[in-house]
Amino acid sequence: MKTKFINGTSSEITLKEANSGIQRFLFKLGRRDGPSTSSYTMELDTNATYREYHLFVIPSCSAGSIIVSSDHLVDHKVITITEIESGVFAWKGTPRKYEAVTKKADQSEQACSSSEGQAGASSKLPRWVSRGISFLMS
């Protein structure tokens, strides 16, 4: 599953993955109007649970960080980092569209119920066969 990070600020941002208090560097996003790239598409391992993703403003990594959980990445296809006011950062997510998945599930559910109805109708035995079976069982 892929999630795209977009830096909409005038600062460089570093993304680190954290698990059990250990952090590892993933990538650096350039400024919105800078020479380096300001977006990055990350491949998320959906089996990797209990992960947090910390976005740090460069160079002051110790100042506030923005935390995004693995659940947020599953729910959002794009995460845009914005600067609310000077030195205050937040993120805004674009939700994934689940309508297509839900629609497919509804269609397959309807197909299953209609095939069950057909199977039930075709499994009815003629009266003479059912009488013969009940005669043999008695």
Protein backbone atom coordinates (compact mmCIF):
# COMPACT_ATOMS: atom_id res chain seq x y z
CA MET A 1 0.00 0.00 0.00
CA LYS A 2 1.41 3.37 -1.00
CA THR A 3 1.07 6.74 0.72
CA LYS A 4 2.39 9.96 -0.71
CA PHE A 5 3.88 12.62 1.58
CA ILE A 6 3.86 16.22 0.37
CA ASN A 7 5.73 19.04 2.06
CA GLY A 8 3.60 22.18 1.81
CA THR A 9 5.86 24.22 4.09
CA SER A 10 8.84 26.49 3.59
CA SER A 11 11.05 24.19 5.72
CA GLU A 12 12.80 20.91 5.01
CA ILE A 13 11.24 17.94 6.77
CA THR A 14 12.71 14.56 7.76
CA LEU A 15 10.56 11.47 8.17
CA LYS A 16 11.64 8.78 10.62
CA GLU A 17 9.98 5.47 11.42
CA ALA A 18 9.69 4.63 15.12
CA ASN A 19 9.02 1.28 16.73
CA SER A 20 9.60 0.53 20.43
CA GLY A 21 11.46 3.81 20.90
CA ILE A 22 13.95 3.12 18.10
CA GLN A 23 13.90 5.48 15.14
CA ARG A 24 15.31 5.02 11.66
CA PHE A 25 15.64 7.60 8.90
CA LEU A 26 13.30 7.10 5.93
CA PHE A 27 13.57 10.21 3.76
CA LYS A 28 13.94 13.98 3.63
CA LEU A 29 11.40 16.28 1.97
CA GLY A 30 12.62 19.52 0.46
CA ARG A 31 10.82 22.82 0.88
CA ARG A 32 7.67 23.49 -1.12
CA ASP A 33 9.47 26.00 -3.36
CA GLY A 34 12.99 24.63 -3.02
CA PRO A 35 15.27 22.89 -5.53
CA SER A 36 14.92 19.41 -4.02
CA THR A 37 11.82 17.24 -4.26
CA SER A 38 9.00 18.11 -1.87
CA SER A 39 7.07 14.84 -2.20
CA TYR A 40 7.80 11.19 -1.58
CA THR A 41 5.70 8.06 -2.10
CA MET A 42 6.25 5.51 0.63
CA GLU A 43 5.41 1.81 0.38
CA LEU A 44 3.71 0.70 3.60
CA ASP A 45 3.98 -2.86 4.86
CA THR A 46 0.45 -3.53 6.15
CA ASN A 47 1.77 -6.35 8.34
CA ALA A 48 4.08 -3.99 10.22
CA THR A 49 1.97 -2.92 13.18
CA TYR A 50 2.63 -0.52 16.04
CA ARG A 51 4.71 1.81 13.91
CA GLU A 52 4.75 5.57 14.21
CA TYR A 53 6.13 7.98 11.67
CA HIS A 54 7.67 11.17 13.01
CA LEU A 55 8.03 14.23 10.81
CA PHE A 56 10.76 16.58 12.02
CA VAL A 57 11.44 20.09 10.80
CA ILE A 58 15.07 20.56 9.82
CA PRO A 59 17.36 21.78 11.38
CA SER A 60 15.52 21.89 14.73
CA CYS A 61 14.63 18.20 15.07
CA SER A 62 14.07 18.59 18.80
CA ALA A 63 11.34 21.20 18.35
CA GLY A 64 7.87 19.76 17.90
CA SER A 65 7.42 16.73 15.72
CA ILE A 66 4.34 15.63 13.82
CA ILE A 67 3.32 12.03 14.50
CA VAL A 68 1.48 9.89 11.95
CA SER A 69 0.56 6.31 12.85
CA SER A 70 0.49 3.30 10.55
CA ASP A 71 -3.33 3.40 10.84
CA HIS A 72 -3.32 6.92 9.40
CA LEU A 73 -1.25 5.71 6.46
CA VAL A 74 -3.72 2.90 5.78
CA ASP A 75 -6.62 5.38 5.83
CA HIS A 76 -4.99 8.14 3.76
CA LYS A 77 -3.44 7.98 0.30
CA VAL A 78 -1.85 11.46 0.53
CA ILE A 79 -0.51 13.25 3.61
CA THR A 80 0.26 16.94 3.22
CA ILE A 81 2.34 18.72 5.86
CA THR A 82 1.30 22.34 6.37
CA GLU A 83 2.51 25.21 8.51
CA ILE A 84 -0.39 26.66 10.49
CA GLU A 85 1.66 29.54 11.85
CA SER A 86 5.35 30.19 12.21
CA GLY A 87 6.87 27.09 13.81
CA VAL A 88 3.56 25.23 14.20
CA PHE A 89 3.07 22.32 11.81
CA ALA A 90 0.22 19.90 11.15
CA TRP A 91 -0.77 17.32 8.55
CA LYS A 92 -3.87 16.88 6.49
CA GLY A 93 -4.80 13.58 4.86
CA THR A 94 -6.65 12.70 1.67
CA PRO A 95 -8.74 9.59 2.44
CA ARG A 96 -8.54 6.51 0.27
CA LYS A 97 -11.69 5.75 -1.68
CA TYR A 98 -13.31 2.62 -0.29
CA GLU A 99 -16.51 2.97 -2.34
CA ALA A 100 -15.17 0.76 -5.14
CA VAL A 101 -14.18 -1.94 -2.64
CA THR A 102 -17.54 -1.70 -0.86
CA LYS A 103 -19.42 -1.83 -4.15
CA LYS A 104 -17.51 -4.98 -5.21
CA ALA A 105 -18.24 -6.61 -1.86
CA ASP A 106 -21.95 -5.82 -2.22
CA GLN A 107 -22.01 -7.25 -5.74
CA SER A 108 -20.27 -10.47 -4.69
CA GLU A 109 -22.63 -10.77 -1.71
CA GLN A 110 -25.63 -10.45 -4.04
CA ALA A 111 -24.12 -13.00 -6.41
CA CYS A 112 -23.61 -15.44 -3.52
CA SER A 113 -27.16 -15.04 -2.27
CA SER A 114 -28.64 -15.51 -5.74
CA SER A 115 -26.51 -18.61 -6.38
CA GLU A 116 -27.55 -20.00 -2.99
CA GLY A 117 -31.19 -19.49 -3.99
CA GLN A 118 -30.58 -21.30 -7.25
CA ALA A 119 -28.75 -24.11 -5.47
CA GLY A 120 -31.61 -24.45 -2.99
CA ALA A 121 -34.14 -24.62 -5.81
CA SER A 122 -32.14 -27.18 -7.79
CA SER A 123 -31.45 -29.31 -4.72
CA LYS A 124 -35.15 -30.04 -4.19
CA LEU A 125 -35.67 -33.64 -5.12
CA PRO A 126 -38.71 -34.89 -6.95
CA ARG A 127 -41.36 -36.23 -4.61
CA TRP A 128 -40.90 -39.85 -5.73
CA VAL A 129 -37.15 -39.71 -4.88
CA SER A 130 -37.71 -38.23 -1.43
CA ARG A 131 -40.41 -40.87 -0.70
CA GLY A 132 -38.01 -43.59 -1.79
CA ILE A 133 -35.27 -42.26 0.49
CA SER A 134 -37.62 -42.01 3.47
CA PHE A 135 -38.86 -45.58 2.76
CA LEU A 136 -35.28 -46.89 2.72
CA MET A 137 -34.40 -45.07 5.95
CA SER A 138 -37.35 -46.50 7.86
